[in-house]
Amino acid sequence: MNQIEETTLNVTEFQLVEFQKLIARLFQCCQDRMQYQSDRFKLPDAELRCILSFEDERYLTPKNIASRMNVGKSRVTKIISGLEEKKLIQRIKDPEDSRIYLISLTNAGKKKVLKIKQFHDDIHEKILLQVNQEQRKNMLANLDLLKACMEAGKEMMK
């Protein structure tokens, strides 16, 4: 085994603690941003995530939404009701199966999604502009590596 492989196998206590602190801080930053955007767009986080889950989809079923949000169907029913009251989504019966409802964004919902996406673009651009081009490239590569490692870790927990 060469020297590089050997050092990558050993994680020091300092590295472990630093990693844990950084992950916790990143998570807190994300939660702060989520709270800020919930306040700014006057939507609870779950409702905000729900309307963003439509992405390029014209219609979703409650089952699709539950799967995308990783929540139970009963929770989705409550979220959908809240968004319906706000006139951001609408339910229509599936023409092929009247037992199924299709959920779609209203025009107001589409406008809200565009505003939220613009907010995301603006904040992410401001973050990226804080570092030079080379650092940005490295940061994105390292974030991609972190994501892959975390996904592999998630698989180990099954």
N, C-alpha and C. Protein backbone atom coordinates (compact mmCIF):
# COMPACT_ATOMS: atom_id res chain seq x y z
N MET A 1 0.86 -1.18 0.00
CA MET A 1 0.00 0.00 0.00
C MET A 1 0.90 1.23 0.00
N ASN A 2 0.61 2.18 -0.84
CA ASN A 2 1.46 3.37 -0.88
C ASN A 2 1.05 4.37 0.20
N GLN A 3 1.88 5.39 0.37
CA GLN A 3 1.69 6.39 1.42
C GLN A 3 0.35 7.13 1.30
N ILE A 4 -0.06 7.46 0.07
CA ILE A 4 -1.31 8.20 -0.13
C ILE A 4 -2.50 7.37 0.32
N GLU A 5 -2.55 6.10 -0.08
CA GLU A 5 -3.65 5.23 0.33
C GLU A 5 -3.68 5.05 1.83
N GLU A 6 -2.51 4.92 2.44
CA GLU A 6 -2.42 4.72 3.87
C GLU A 6 -3.00 5.91 4.64
N THR A 7 -2.64 7.12 4.24
CA THR A 7 -3.13 8.29 4.97
C THR A 7 -4.62 8.51 4.75
N THR A 8 -5.15 8.09 3.61
CA THR A 8 -6.59 8.28 3.39
C THR A 8 -7.42 7.31 4.22
N LEU A 9 -6.82 6.21 4.64
CA LEU A 9 -7.56 5.25 5.46
C LEU A 9 -7.68 5.70 6.91
N ASN A 10 -6.76 6.50 7.38
CA ASN A 10 -6.77 6.95 8.77
C ASN A 10 -7.45 8.30 8.89
N VAL A 11 -8.51 8.33 9.69
CA VAL A 11 -9.20 9.59 9.96
C VAL A 11 -8.81 10.01 11.37
N THR A 12 -8.25 11.20 11.48
CA THR A 12 -7.84 11.67 12.81
C THR A 12 -9.05 12.16 13.59
N GLU A 13 -8.89 12.24 14.88
CA GLU A 13 -9.95 12.77 15.74
C GLU A 13 -10.29 14.19 15.34
N PHE A 14 -9.27 14.98 15.04
CA PHE A 14 -9.48 16.37 14.61
C PHE A 14 -10.33 16.43 13.34
N GLN A 15 -10.00 15.59 12.34
CA GLN A 15 -10.76 15.58 11.09
C GLN A 15 -12.21 15.19 11.32
N LEU A 16 -12.40 14.20 12.16
CA LEU A 16 -13.75 13.73 12.47
C LEU A 16 -14.58 14.84 13.12
N VAL A 17 -14.00 15.48 14.12
CA VAL A 17 -14.71 16.56 14.83
C VAL A 17 -14.96 17.74 13.90
N GLU A 18 -13.97 18.12 13.11
CA GLU A 18 -14.14 19.24 12.16
C GLU A 18 -15.23 18.93 11.14
N PHE A 19 -15.21 17.71 10.63
CA PHE A 19 -16.23 17.30 9.66
C PHE A 19 -17.62 17.39 10.28
N GLN A 20 -17.76 16.88 11.49
CA GLN A 20 -19.06 16.91 12.17
C GLN A 20 -19.52 18.35 12.41
N LYS A 21 -18.59 19.21 12.82
CA LYS A 21 -18.94 20.62 13.05
C LYS A 21 -19.36 21.31 11.75
N LEU A 22 -18.61 21.07 10.68
CA LEU A 22 -18.92 21.70 9.39
C LEU A 22 -20.26 21.22 8.84
N ILE A 23 -20.52 19.93 8.94
CA ILE A 23 -21.80 19.39 8.47
C ILE A 23 -22.94 20.00 9.29
N ALA A 24 -22.76 20.06 10.61
CA ALA A 24 -23.80 20.65 11.46
C ALA A 24 -24.03 22.12 11.10
N ARG A 25 -22.95 22.84 10.85
CA ARG A 25 -23.08 24.27 10.50
C ARG A 25 -23.73 24.45 9.13
N LEU A 26 -23.35 23.63 8.16
CA LEU A 26 -24.00 23.67 6.84
C LEU A 26 -25.49 23.38 6.96
N PHE A 27 -25.81 22.37 7.76
CA PHE A 27 -27.21 22.01 7.97
C PHE A 27 -27.97 23.18 8.60
N GLN A 28 -27.35 23.83 9.58
CA GLN A 28 -27.98 24.98 10.23
C GLN A 28 -28.17 26.13 9.24
N CYS A 29 -27.18 26.38 8.40
CA CYS A 29 -27.31 27.43 7.37
C CYS A 29 -28.48 27.12 6.44
N CYS A 30 -28.61 25.87 6.05
CA CYS A 30 -29.72 25.47 5.17
C CYS A 30 -31.06 25.65 5.88
N GLN A 31 -31.12 25.27 7.15
CA GLN A 31 -32.36 25.45 7.90
C GLN A 31 -32.71 26.92 8.06
N ASP A 32 -31.71 27.75 8.32
CA ASP A 32 -31.94 29.20 8.43
C ASP A 32 -32.50 29.76 7.13
N ARG A 33 -31.91 29.32 6.01
CA ARG A 33 -32.39 29.78 4.71
C ARG A 33 -33.81 29.31 4.45
N MET A 34 -34.10 28.07 4.83
CA MET A 34 -35.44 27.54 4.64
C MET A 34 -36.46 28.31 5.47
N GLN A 35 -36.08 28.66 6.70
CA GLN A 35 -36.98 29.45 7.54
C GLN A 35 -37.19 30.84 6.95
N TYR A 36 -36.10 31.44 6.48
CA TYR A 36 -36.19 32.76 5.86
C TYR A 36 -37.10 32.72 4.63
N GLN A 37 -36.92 31.71 3.77
CA GLN A 37 -37.75 31.66 2.57
C GLN A 37 -39.20 31.34 2.91
N SER A 38 -39.45 30.54 3.95
CA SER A 38 -40.83 30.30 4.39
C SER A 38 -41.49 31.61 4.81
N ASP A 39 -40.76 32.40 5.58
CA ASP A 39 -41.27 33.70 6.02
C ASP A 39 -41.46 34.63 4.83
N ARG A 40 -40.47 34.69 3.97
CA ARG A 40 -40.51 35.60 2.82
C ARG A 40 -41.66 35.30 1.86
N PHE A 41 -41.90 34.00 1.62
CA PHE A 41 -42.94 33.62 0.66
C PHE A 41 -44.25 33.24 1.35
N LYS A 42 -44.29 33.41 2.66
CA LYS A 42 -45.50 33.17 3.46
C LYS A 42 -46.08 31.77 3.22
N LEU A 43 -45.18 30.80 3.25
CA LEU A 43 -45.57 29.40 3.10
C LEU A 43 -44.80 28.55 4.10
N PRO A 44 -45.48 27.64 4.78
CA PRO A 44 -44.73 26.69 5.61
C PRO A 44 -43.76 25.90 4.73
N ASP A 45 -42.70 25.43 5.32
CA ASP A 45 -41.67 24.72 4.57
C ASP A 45 -42.24 23.56 3.76
N ALA A 46 -43.13 22.78 4.34
CA ALA A 46 -43.68 21.62 3.63
C ALA A 46 -44.46 22.04 2.39
N GLU A 47 -45.22 23.12 2.49
CA GLU A 47 -45.97 23.61 1.33
C GLU A 47 -45.02 24.14 0.26
N LEU A 48 -43.99 24.80 0.70
CA LEU A 48 -42.99 25.34 -0.23
C LEU A 48 -42.30 24.19 -0.98
N ARG A 49 -41.90 23.18 -0.25
CA ARG A 49 -41.25 22.02 -0.88
C ARG A 49 -42.21 21.31 -1.84
N CYS A 50 -43.48 21.28 -1.46
CA CYS A 50 -44.47 20.62 -2.30
C CYS A 50 -44.60 21.31 -3.65
N ILE A 51 -44.78 22.63 -3.66
CA ILE A 51 -44.96 23.29 -4.96
C ILE A 51 -43.68 23.25 -5.79
N LEU A 52 -42.53 23.21 -5.11
CA LEU A 52 -41.27 23.09 -5.85
C LEU A 52 -41.08 21.69 -6.42
N SER A 53 -41.78 20.71 -5.86
CA SER A 53 -41.62 19.33 -6.35
C SER A 53 -42.24 19.13 -7.73
N PHE A 54 -43.01 20.10 -8.20
CA PHE A 54 -43.61 19.99 -9.53
C PHE A 54 -42.56 20.14 -10.62
N GLU A 55 -41.50 20.89 -10.37
CA GLU A 55 -40.44 21.13 -11.35
C GLU A 55 -41.05 21.35 -12.73
N ASP A 56 -40.84 20.42 -13.63
CA ASP A 56 -41.38 20.56 -14.99
C ASP A 56 -42.64 19.71 -15.21
N GLU A 57 -43.20 19.22 -14.14
CA GLU A 57 -44.39 18.36 -14.24
C GLU A 57 -45.65 19.22 -14.32
N ARG A 58 -46.53 18.81 -15.20
CA ARG A 58 -47.80 19.53 -15.30
C ARG A 58 -48.76 19.06 -14.20
N TYR A 59 -48.77 17.75 -13.96
CA TYR A 59 -49.64 17.15 -12.95
C TYR A 59 -48.84 16.18 -12.09
N LEU A 60 -49.24 16.09 -10.84
CA LEU A 60 -48.72 15.06 -9.94
C LEU A 60 -49.89 14.47 -9.18
N THR A 61 -49.76 13.23 -8.77
CA THR A 61 -50.76 12.62 -7.89
C THR A 61 -50.29 12.81 -6.45
N PRO A 62 -51.20 12.70 -5.49
CA PRO A 62 -50.75 12.76 -4.09
C PRO A 62 -49.67 11.72 -3.79
N LYS A 63 -49.79 10.55 -4.41
CA LYS A 63 -48.78 9.50 -4.20
C LYS A 63 -47.41 9.95 -4.72
N ASN A 64 -47.38 10.59 -5.91
CA ASN A 64 -46.11 11.12 -6.45
C ASN A 64 -45.50 12.14 -5.49
N ILE A 65 -46.36 13.03 -5.00
CA ILE A 65 -45.89 14.10 -4.10
C ILE A 65 -45.33 13.49 -2.82
N ALA A 66 -46.05 12.52 -2.26
CA ALA A 66 -45.59 11.85 -1.03
C ALA A 66 -44.22 11.23 -1.24
N SER A 67 -44.04 10.60 -2.38
CA SER A 67 -42.76 9.96 -2.69
C SER A 67 -41.65 10.99 -2.84
N ARG A 68 -41.92 12.07 -3.57
CA ARG A 68 -40.90 13.11 -3.78
C ARG A 68 -40.53 13.81 -2.49
N MET A 69 -41.51 14.00 -1.61
CA MET A 69 -41.25 14.72 -0.37
C MET A 69 -40.83 13.79 0.76
N ASN A 70 -40.95 12.47 0.54
CA ASN A 70 -40.61 11.48 1.55
C ASN A 70 -41.46 11.65 2.81
N VAL A 71 -42.78 11.82 2.59
CA VAL A 71 -43.73 11.93 3.70
C VAL A 71 -44.91 11.00 3.42
N GLY A 72 -45.71 10.78 4.44
CA GLY A 72 -46.89 9.93 4.30
C GLY A 72 -47.99 10.60 3.50
N LYS A 73 -48.87 9.75 2.95
CA LYS A 73 -49.95 10.27 2.12
C LYS A 73 -50.89 11.17 2.93
N SER A 74 -51.10 10.85 4.21
CA SER A 74 -51.98 11.69 5.03
C SER A 74 -51.38 13.08 5.22
N ARG A 75 -50.07 13.15 5.33
CA ARG A 75 -49.39 14.45 5.45
C ARG A 75 -49.54 15.24 4.16
N VAL A 76 -49.44 14.56 3.02
CA VAL A 76 -49.61 15.22 1.73
C VAL A 76 -51.01 15.80 1.60
N THR A 77 -52.01 15.07 2.08
CA THR A 77 -53.39 15.56 2.02
C THR A 77 -53.50 16.89 2.75
N LYS A 78 -52.89 17.00 3.90
CA LYS A 78 -52.92 18.25 4.68
C LYS A 78 -52.18 19.37 3.93
N ILE A 79 -51.04 19.05 3.36
CA ILE A 79 -50.24 20.04 2.61
C ILE A 79 -51.03 20.53 1.39
N ILE A 80 -51.63 19.59 0.67
CA ILE A 80 -52.41 19.94 -0.52
C ILE A 80 -53.59 20.84 -0.14
N SER A 81 -54.25 20.52 0.96
CA SER A 81 -55.38 21.34 1.41
C SER A 81 -54.93 22.77 1.69
N GLY A 82 -53.79 22.92 2.35
CA GLY A 82 -53.25 24.26 2.65
C GLY A 82 -52.93 25.04 1.38
N LEU A 83 -52.35 24.37 0.41
CA LEU A 83 -52.01 25.03 -0.86
C LEU A 83 -53.26 25.34 -1.68
N GLU A 84 -54.26 24.49 -1.56
CA GLU A 84 -55.53 24.74 -2.25
C GLU A 84 -56.22 25.98 -1.68
N GLU A 85 -56.20 26.09 -0.36
CA GLU A 85 -56.79 27.27 0.29
C GLU A 85 -56.10 28.55 -0.16
N LYS A 86 -54.81 28.46 -0.41
CA LYS A 86 -54.04 29.63 -0.86
C LYS A 86 -54.14 29.83 -2.37
N LYS A 87 -54.89 28.95 -3.03
CA LYS A 87 -55.11 29.04 -4.49
C LYS A 87 -53.81 28.86 -5.29
N LEU A 88 -52.90 28.05 -4.76
CA LEU A 88 -51.63 27.80 -5.45
C LEU A 88 -51.65 26.49 -6.24
N ILE A 89 -52.55 25.59 -5.85
CA ILE A 89 -52.72 24.34 -6.60
C ILE A 89 -54.20 24.07 -6.77
N GLN A 90 -54.49 23.16 -7.69
CA GLN A 90 -55.88 22.74 -7.89
C GLN A 90 -55.91 21.23 -8.08
N ARG A 91 -57.04 20.63 -7.70
CA ARG A 91 -57.24 19.20 -7.89
C ARG A 91 -58.20 19.00 -9.05
N ILE A 92 -57.87 18.06 -9.89
CA ILE A 92 -58.82 17.68 -10.94
C ILE A 92 -58.86 16.16 -11.00
N LYS A 93 -60.02 15.62 -11.36
CA LYS A 93 -60.14 14.16 -11.46
C LYS A 93 -59.38 13.68 -12.68
N ASP A 94 -58.70 12.56 -12.50
CA ASP A 94 -57.99 11.93 -13.61
C ASP A 94 -59.03 11.45 -14.63
N PRO A 95 -58.93 11.90 -15.88
CA PRO A 95 -59.92 11.50 -16.87
C PRO A 95 -59.94 9.98 -17.13
N GLU A 96 -58.83 9.32 -16.84
CA GLU A 96 -58.74 7.87 -17.06
C GLU A 96 -59.18 7.05 -15.86
N ASP A 97 -59.18 7.67 -14.66
CA ASP A 97 -59.57 6.96 -13.44
C ASP A 97 -60.12 7.98 -12.46
N SER A 98 -61.45 8.03 -12.34
CA SER A 98 -62.09 9.06 -11.52
C SER A 98 -61.81 8.91 -10.02
N ARG A 99 -61.20 7.80 -9.61
CA ARG A 99 -60.84 7.64 -8.20
C ARG A 99 -59.58 8.43 -7.85
N ILE A 100 -58.83 8.81 -8.87
CA ILE A 100 -57.54 9.49 -8.67
C ILE A 100 -57.67 10.97 -8.98
N TYR A 101 -57.09 11.77 -8.11
CA TYR A 101 -57.03 13.22 -8.35
C TYR A 101 -55.65 13.59 -8.85
N LEU A 102 -55.62 14.45 -9.82
CA LEU A 102 -54.37 15.02 -10.31
C LEU A 102 -54.23 16.41 -9.71
N ILE A 103 -53.04 16.72 -9.27
CA ILE A 103 -52.76 18.02 -8.67
C ILE A 103 -51.93 18.82 -9.66
N SER A 104 -52.30 20.07 -9.85
CA SER A 104 -51.51 20.94 -10.73
C SER A 104 -51.38 22.32 -10.10
N LEU A 105 -50.36 23.03 -10.51
CA LEU A 105 -50.18 24.40 -10.05
C LEU A 105 -51.18 25.30 -10.76
N THR A 106 -51.73 26.26 -10.04
CA THR A 106 -52.54 27.29 -10.66
C THR A 106 -51.59 28.33 -11.24
N ASN A 107 -52.13 29.32 -11.93
CA ASN A 107 -51.27 30.40 -12.43
C ASN A 107 -50.56 31.10 -11.28
N ALA A 108 -51.30 31.30 -10.16
CA ALA A 108 -50.68 31.92 -8.98
C ALA A 108 -49.57 31.03 -8.44
N GLY A 109 -49.79 29.71 -8.46
CA GLY A 109 -48.77 28.76 -8.01
C GLY A 109 -47.54 28.79 -8.89
N LYS A 110 -47.75 28.88 -10.19
CA LYS A 110 -46.62 28.94 -11.13
C LYS A 110 -45.81 30.22 -10.91
N LYS A 111 -46.51 31.33 -10.67
CA LYS A 111 -45.81 32.60 -10.41
C LYS A 111 -45.00 32.51 -9.12
N LYS A 112 -45.60 31.90 -8.09
CA LYS A 112 -44.91 31.74 -6.81
C LYS A 112 -43.65 30.89 -6.98
N VAL A 113 -43.76 29.80 -7.74
CA VAL A 113 -42.60 28.93 -7.98
C VAL A 113 -41.50 29.71 -8.69
N LEU A 114 -41.86 30.51 -9.68
CA LEU A 114 -40.86 31.32 -10.39
C LEU A 114 -40.15 32.28 -9.44
N LYS A 115 -40.90 32.90 -8.53
CA LYS A 115 -40.30 33.82 -7.55
C LYS A 115 -39.36 33.08 -6.61
N ILE A 116 -39.76 31.91 -6.18
CA ILE A 116 -38.93 31.11 -5.28
C ILE A 116 -37.65 30.67 -6.00
N LYS A 117 -37.80 30.22 -7.24
CA LYS A 117 -36.62 29.79 -8.01
C LYS A 117 -35.68 30.97 -8.26
N GLN A 118 -36.23 32.15 -8.50
CA GLN A 118 -35.40 33.33 -8.70
C GLN A 118 -34.64 33.67 -7.42
N PHE A 119 -35.32 33.53 -6.28
CA PHE A 119 -34.68 33.74 -4.98
C PHE A 119 -33.51 32.76 -4.82
N HIS A 120 -33.75 31.48 -5.15
CA HIS A 120 -32.68 30.47 -5.06
C HIS A 120 -31.51 30.82 -5.97
N ASP A 121 -31.82 31.19 -7.21
CA ASP A 121 -30.76 31.57 -8.15
C ASP A 121 -29.95 32.74 -7.61
N ASP A 122 -30.63 33.75 -7.10
CA ASP A 122 -29.95 34.95 -6.59
C ASP A 122 -29.04 34.62 -5.41
N ILE A 123 -29.56 33.85 -4.46
CA ILE A 123 -28.76 33.54 -3.26
C ILE A 123 -27.58 32.64 -3.63
N HIS A 124 -27.79 31.69 -4.51
CA HIS A 124 -26.70 30.79 -4.90
C HIS A 124 -25.64 31.54 -5.70
N GLU A 125 -26.08 32.46 -6.54
CA GLU A 125 -25.11 33.27 -7.29
C GLU A 125 -24.27 34.12 -6.34
N LYS A 126 -24.91 34.70 -5.32
CA LYS A 126 -24.17 35.52 -4.35
C LYS A 126 -23.13 34.68 -3.61
N ILE A 127 -23.50 33.46 -3.30
CA ILE A 127 -22.56 32.56 -2.62
C ILE A 127 -21.38 32.25 -3.53
N LEU A 128 -21.67 31.89 -4.78
CA LEU A 128 -20.59 31.54 -5.72
C LEU A 128 -19.69 32.72 -6.04
N LEU A 129 -20.23 33.92 -6.03
CA LEU A 129 -19.43 35.10 -6.34
C LEU A 129 -18.43 35.46 -5.23
N GLN A 130 -18.56 34.82 -4.07
CA GLN A 130 -17.64 35.09 -2.97
C GLN A 130 -16.28 34.43 -3.17
N VAL A 131 -16.21 33.52 -4.14
CA VAL A 131 -14.94 32.83 -4.39
C VAL A 131 -14.55 32.99 -5.85
N ASN A 132 -13.25 32.91 -6.12
CA ASN A 132 -12.80 33.06 -7.51
C ASN A 132 -13.14 31.82 -8.33
N GLN A 133 -12.94 31.93 -9.62
CA GLN A 133 -13.33 30.88 -10.57
C GLN A 133 -12.72 29.52 -10.22
N GLU A 134 -11.43 29.51 -9.90
CA GLU A 134 -10.75 28.25 -9.59
C GLU A 134 -11.29 27.64 -8.29
N GLN A 135 -11.48 28.48 -7.26
CA GLN A 135 -12.04 28.00 -6.00
C GLN A 135 -13.46 27.47 -6.21
N ARG A 136 -14.21 28.14 -7.07
CA ARG A 136 -15.58 27.74 -7.37
C ARG A 136 -15.59 26.34 -7.99
N LYS A 137 -14.68 26.12 -8.93
CA LYS A 137 -14.58 24.82 -9.59
C LYS A 137 -14.25 23.73 -8.57
N ASN A 138 -13.29 24.03 -7.69
CA ASN A 138 -12.90 23.08 -6.65
C ASN A 138 -14.04 22.85 -5.66
N MET A 139 -14.72 23.93 -5.28
CA MET A 139 -15.81 23.82 -4.32
C MET A 139 -16.92 22.93 -4.88
N LEU A 140 -17.28 23.13 -6.14
CA LEU A 140 -18.33 22.32 -6.76
C LEU A 140 -17.90 20.86 -6.86
N ALA A 141 -16.65 20.61 -7.20
CA ALA A 141 -16.15 19.23 -7.28
C ALA A 141 -16.18 18.58 -5.89
N ASN A 142 -15.77 19.34 -4.87
CA ASN A 142 -15.76 18.80 -3.51
C ASN A 142 -17.18 18.58 -2.98
N LEU A 143 -18.09 19.46 -3.33
CA LEU A 143 -19.49 19.25 -2.93
C LEU A 143 -20.06 18.01 -3.60
N ASP A 144 -19.71 17.80 -4.85
CA ASP A 144 -20.16 16.61 -5.57
C ASP A 144 -19.59 15.36 -4.91
N LEU A 145 -18.34 15.42 -4.52
CA LEU A 145 -17.70 14.29 -3.83
C LEU A 145 -18.39 14.05 -2.48
N LEU A 146 -18.66 15.11 -1.74
CA LEU A 146 -19.34 15.00 -0.45
C LEU A 146 -20.72 14.36 -0.63
N LYS A 147 -21.45 14.81 -1.63
CA LYS A 147 -22.78 14.26 -1.91
C LYS A 147 -22.68 12.76 -2.18
N ALA A 148 -21.72 12.36 -3.01
CA ALA A 148 -21.53 10.94 -3.33
C ALA A 148 -21.19 10.13 -2.08
N CYS A 149 -20.32 10.68 -1.24
CA CYS A 149 -19.95 9.99 0.01
C CYS A 149 -21.14 9.86 0.94
N MET A 150 -21.93 10.93 1.02
CA MET A 150 -23.09 10.89 1.91
C MET A 150 -24.15 9.92 1.38
N GLU A 151 -24.32 9.86 0.07
CA GLU A 151 -25.26 8.90 -0.50
C GLU A 151 -24.79 7.47 -0.26
N ALA A 152 -23.49 7.25 -0.36
CA ALA A 152 -22.94 5.92 -0.07
C ALA A 152 -23.15 5.59 1.41
N GLY A 153 -22.99 6.59 2.27
CA GLY A 153 -23.22 6.39 3.70
C GLY A 153 -24.67 6.04 3.98
N LYS A 154 -25.57 6.67 3.24
CA LYS A 154 -27.00 6.40 3.40
C LYS A 154 -27.31 4.95 3.02
N GLU A 155 -26.66 4.46 1.97
CA GLU A 155 -26.84 3.07 1.55
C GLU A 155 -26.35 2.10 2.62
N MET A 156 -25.28 2.48 3.35
CA MET A 156 -24.74 1.61 4.40
C MET A 156 -25.70 1.50 5.58
N MET A 157 -26.59 2.48 5.73
CA MET A 157 -27.52 2.48 6.87
C MET A 157 -28.72 1.57 6.64
N LYS A 158 -28.89 1.09 5.42
CA LYS A 158 -30.06 0.24 5.11
C LYS A 158 -29.89 -1.14 5.66
